Amino acid sequence: MSKIGKKNIIIPKESSIKIEGANLTIKGPKGSKTLTINDKIFSSKLSENEFQILPLNKKKVDKKTSIMWGTYRSLINNAITGVSAGHEKVLELNGVGFRANIKGENLNLQIGFSHDVNFKIPKDIKISVEKQTTIKINGVDKDLVAKIAADIKSLKPVEPYKAKGIKEKGQFVLRKEGKKK
């Protein structure tokens, strides 16, 4: 039995779930998302403000079914959170002269190269620049928000000597000592 899979998912008042066979359509104030679950292994149960996913054969739950049960529950929970509240990542630029700003549908980054780096913003993601050194990434899909944040961070990874580069807010950087005389 999956510890995570057994938990009920609480649906906020402004969100709704529609079950059509193997497809789940989740709608909320931030948008909508469609998920597909394996209806040969799992069934879904919807009550007033709670949703639950259960295996069809409750007496014989093998390890693979247990793992997939927890995975599907987490995916559904992330989708409900995304359409009701949204997912957000905050990136920080550290370094002398490092700046970010938005030009049209591109994120323009000055990150220590001889040229500016332009990052194309996908249509499902909203990127805003609070200060010149803080980037906020918002979206409905948790996977897409994390992927865009990772792509932006990979443009200039944080180096261990002076901690220059792009990092997530609260990310720990292991610093190294410089060379000695």
Protein backbone atom coordinates (compact mmCIF):
# COMPACT_ATOMS: atom_id res chain seq x y z
CA MET A 1 0.00 0.00 0.00
CA SER A 2 1.24 3.42 -0.94
CA LYS A 3 1.45 5.95 1.90
CA ILE A 4 1.10 8.89 -0.47
CA GLY A 5 -1.54 7.27 -2.69
CA LYS A 6 -3.91 6.62 0.24
CA LYS A 7 -4.22 10.32 1.10
CA ASN A 8 -7.26 12.20 -0.18
CA ILE A 9 -6.72 15.26 -2.38
CA ILE A 10 -8.64 18.30 -1.16
CA ILE A 11 -10.14 20.34 -4.00
CA PRO A 12 -10.36 24.12 -3.41
CA LYS A 13 -13.77 25.80 -3.83
CA GLU A 14 -12.83 27.61 -7.03
CA SER A 15 -11.45 24.46 -8.75
CA SER A 16 -13.30 21.53 -10.34
CA ILE A 17 -12.45 18.06 -11.67
CA LYS A 18 -14.24 16.36 -14.55
CA ILE A 19 -13.71 12.62 -15.09
CA GLU A 20 -14.11 11.23 -18.63
CA GLY A 21 -12.90 7.62 -18.69
CA ALA A 22 -9.12 7.77 -18.32
CA ASN A 23 -8.91 11.56 -18.72
CA LEU A 24 -9.11 14.05 -15.86
CA THR A 25 -9.80 17.69 -16.71
CA ILE A 26 -8.95 20.05 -13.87
CA LYS A 27 -10.16 23.66 -14.11
CA GLY A 28 -9.44 26.59 -11.84
CA PRO A 29 -8.97 30.36 -11.82
CA LYS A 30 -5.39 30.17 -13.23
CA GLY A 31 -6.27 27.86 -16.14
CA SER A 32 -6.99 24.22 -16.93
CA LYS A 33 -4.95 21.04 -17.22
CA THR A 34 -5.73 17.58 -18.60
CA LEU A 35 -4.17 14.41 -17.17
CA THR A 36 -4.48 10.79 -18.29
CA ILE A 37 -4.48 7.98 -15.74
CA ASN A 38 -4.27 4.24 -16.43
CA ASP A 39 -7.90 3.14 -16.02
CA LYS A 40 -6.95 -0.56 -16.30
CA ILE A 41 -5.17 -0.35 -12.93
CA PHE A 42 -6.77 2.64 -11.14
CA SER A 43 -10.22 4.02 -10.51
CA SER A 44 -11.03 7.52 -9.29
CA LYS A 45 -13.56 8.60 -6.71
CA LEU A 46 -14.92 12.14 -6.50
CA SER A 47 -16.97 13.51 -3.60
CA GLU A 48 -17.95 17.08 -2.60
CA ASN A 49 -14.50 18.62 -2.15
CA GLU A 50 -12.25 15.53 -2.06
CA PHE A 51 -10.75 13.37 -4.78
CA GLN A 52 -9.21 9.94 -4.36
CA ILE A 53 -7.46 7.52 -6.70
CA LEU A 54 -7.68 3.81 -5.83
CA PRO A 55 -6.29 0.60 -7.38
CA LEU A 56 -8.93 -1.68 -8.93
CA ASN A 57 -7.56 -4.79 -7.20
CA LYS A 58 -7.19 -3.68 -3.56
CA LYS A 59 -6.34 -7.15 -2.24
CA LYS A 60 -3.32 -7.64 -4.48
CA VAL A 61 -1.28 -4.44 -4.76
CA ASP A 62 2.23 -5.21 -6.03
CA LYS A 63 5.22 -2.88 -5.72
CA LYS A 64 4.86 -1.38 -9.22
CA THR A 65 1.18 -0.57 -8.68
CA SER A 66 2.00 0.98 -5.30
CA ILE A 67 4.68 3.19 -6.87
CA MET A 68 2.40 4.30 -9.71
CA TRP A 69 -0.43 4.95 -7.23
CA GLY A 70 1.69 7.49 -5.34
CA THR A 71 2.97 9.02 -8.58
CA TYR A 72 -0.52 9.56 -10.04
CA ARG A 73 -1.73 11.04 -6.74
CA SER A 74 1.20 13.50 -6.72
CA LEU A 75 0.64 14.48 -10.36
CA ILE A 76 -3.06 15.14 -9.73
CA ASN A 77 -2.30 17.11 -6.56
CA ASN A 78 0.31 19.24 -8.41
CA ALA A 79 -2.20 19.92 -11.20
CA ILE A 80 -4.87 21.02 -8.69
CA THR A 81 -2.36 23.29 -6.95
CA GLY A 82 -1.28 24.71 -10.32
CA VAL A 83 -4.76 25.63 -11.56
CA SER A 84 -5.86 27.08 -8.21
CA ALA A 85 -2.74 28.86 -6.87
CA GLY A 86 -0.06 28.39 -9.55
CA HIS A 87 3.57 27.37 -9.21
CA GLU A 88 6.42 29.85 -8.82
CA LYS A 89 10.22 29.81 -8.92
CA VAL A 90 12.41 32.80 -8.05
CA LEU A 91 15.90 33.12 -9.57
CA GLU A 92 18.64 35.50 -8.44
CA LEU A 93 21.52 36.90 -10.50
CA ASN A 94 24.77 37.41 -8.58
CA GLY A 95 27.72 39.19 -10.14
CA VAL A 96 28.97 42.64 -11.10
CA GLY A 97 26.93 43.99 -14.02
CA PHE A 98 24.52 41.02 -14.12
CA ARG A 99 21.08 42.25 -15.18
CA ALA A 100 17.83 40.91 -16.56
CA ASN A 101 14.94 42.63 -18.33
CA ILE A 102 12.07 41.68 -20.59
CA LYS A 103 12.07 42.78 -24.23
CA GLY A 104 8.88 41.72 -25.98
CA GLU A 105 8.56 37.94 -25.66
CA ASN A 106 12.25 37.45 -24.79
CA LEU A 107 14.09 37.56 -21.47
CA ASN A 108 17.24 39.60 -22.05
CA LEU A 109 20.13 38.63 -19.76
CA GLN A 110 23.46 40.41 -19.31
CA ILE A 111 25.47 37.76 -17.49
CA GLY A 112 29.14 38.52 -18.05
CA PHE A 113 29.48 37.51 -21.70
CA SER A 114 30.55 39.87 -24.50
CA HIS A 115 26.97 39.72 -25.81
CA ASP A 116 23.46 39.74 -24.33
CA VAL A 117 21.71 36.37 -23.98
CA ASN A 118 18.08 36.26 -25.14
CA PHE A 119 15.83 33.53 -23.72
CA LYS A 120 12.50 32.95 -25.52
CA ILE A 121 9.58 32.82 -23.06
CA PRO A 122 7.09 29.96 -23.74
CA LYS A 123 3.42 30.96 -24.08
CA ASP A 124 2.28 28.93 -21.01
CA ILE A 125 4.80 30.62 -18.67
CA LYS A 126 4.76 34.14 -17.24
CA ILE A 127 8.17 35.61 -16.42
CA SER A 128 8.54 38.91 -14.59
CA VAL A 129 11.64 40.82 -13.52
CA GLU A 130 11.13 42.36 -10.06
CA LYS A 131 14.49 44.07 -9.67
CA GLN A 132 17.22 43.82 -12.28
CA THR A 133 18.65 40.83 -10.40
CA THR A 134 15.46 38.91 -9.52
CA ILE A 135 13.46 36.81 -11.99
CA LYS A 136 10.04 35.31 -11.11
CA ILE A 137 8.72 32.39 -13.15
CA ASN A 138 4.99 31.56 -12.81
CA GLY A 139 2.83 28.93 -14.45
CA VAL A 140 0.16 26.25 -14.10
CA ASP A 141 2.39 23.25 -14.96
CA LYS A 142 4.93 22.48 -12.24
CA ASP A 143 7.18 20.48 -14.58
CA LEU A 144 7.33 23.27 -17.16
CA VAL A 145 8.08 25.95 -14.53
CA ALA A 146 10.93 23.84 -13.11
CA LYS A 147 12.29 23.09 -16.62
CA ILE A 148 12.33 26.78 -17.62
CA ALA A 149 14.06 27.67 -14.32
CA ALA A 150 16.67 24.96 -14.94
CA ASP A 151 17.22 26.16 -18.53
CA ILE A 152 17.79 29.75 -17.36
CA LYS A 153 20.12 28.58 -14.56
CA SER A 154 22.15 26.52 -17.05
CA LEU A 155 22.98 29.69 -19.06
CA LYS A 156 25.37 30.79 -16.29
CA PRO A 157 25.78 28.22 -13.47
CA VAL A 158 27.01 29.48 -10.11
CA GLU A 159 30.77 29.16 -9.77
CA PRO A 160 32.15 28.11 -6.35
CA TYR A 161 34.79 30.84 -5.79
CA LYS A 162 32.82 34.10 -5.86
CA ALA A 163 29.30 32.59 -6.24
CA LYS A 164 28.71 34.48 -9.51
CA GLY A 165 25.93 33.19 -11.72
CA ILE A 166 22.21 32.42 -11.69
CA LYS A 167 20.75 30.50 -8.75
CA GLU A 168 17.39 29.81 -7.16
CA LYS A 169 16.37 31.83 -4.15
CA GLY A 170 17.55 29.98 -1.06
CA GLN A 171 19.89 27.64 -2.99
CA PHE A 172 23.05 26.79 -1.03
CA VAL A 173 26.33 27.27 -2.88
CA LEU A 174 29.35 25.45 -1.49
CA ARG A 175 32.12 28.04 -1.59
CA LYS A 176 35.79 27.17 -2.18
CA GLU A 177 38.83 28.99 -0.87
CA GLY A 178 40.86 30.90 -3.45
CA LYS A 179 44.54 30.29 -4.11
CA LYS A 180 46.99 31.16 -1.35
CA LYS A 181 50.24 33.13 -1.65
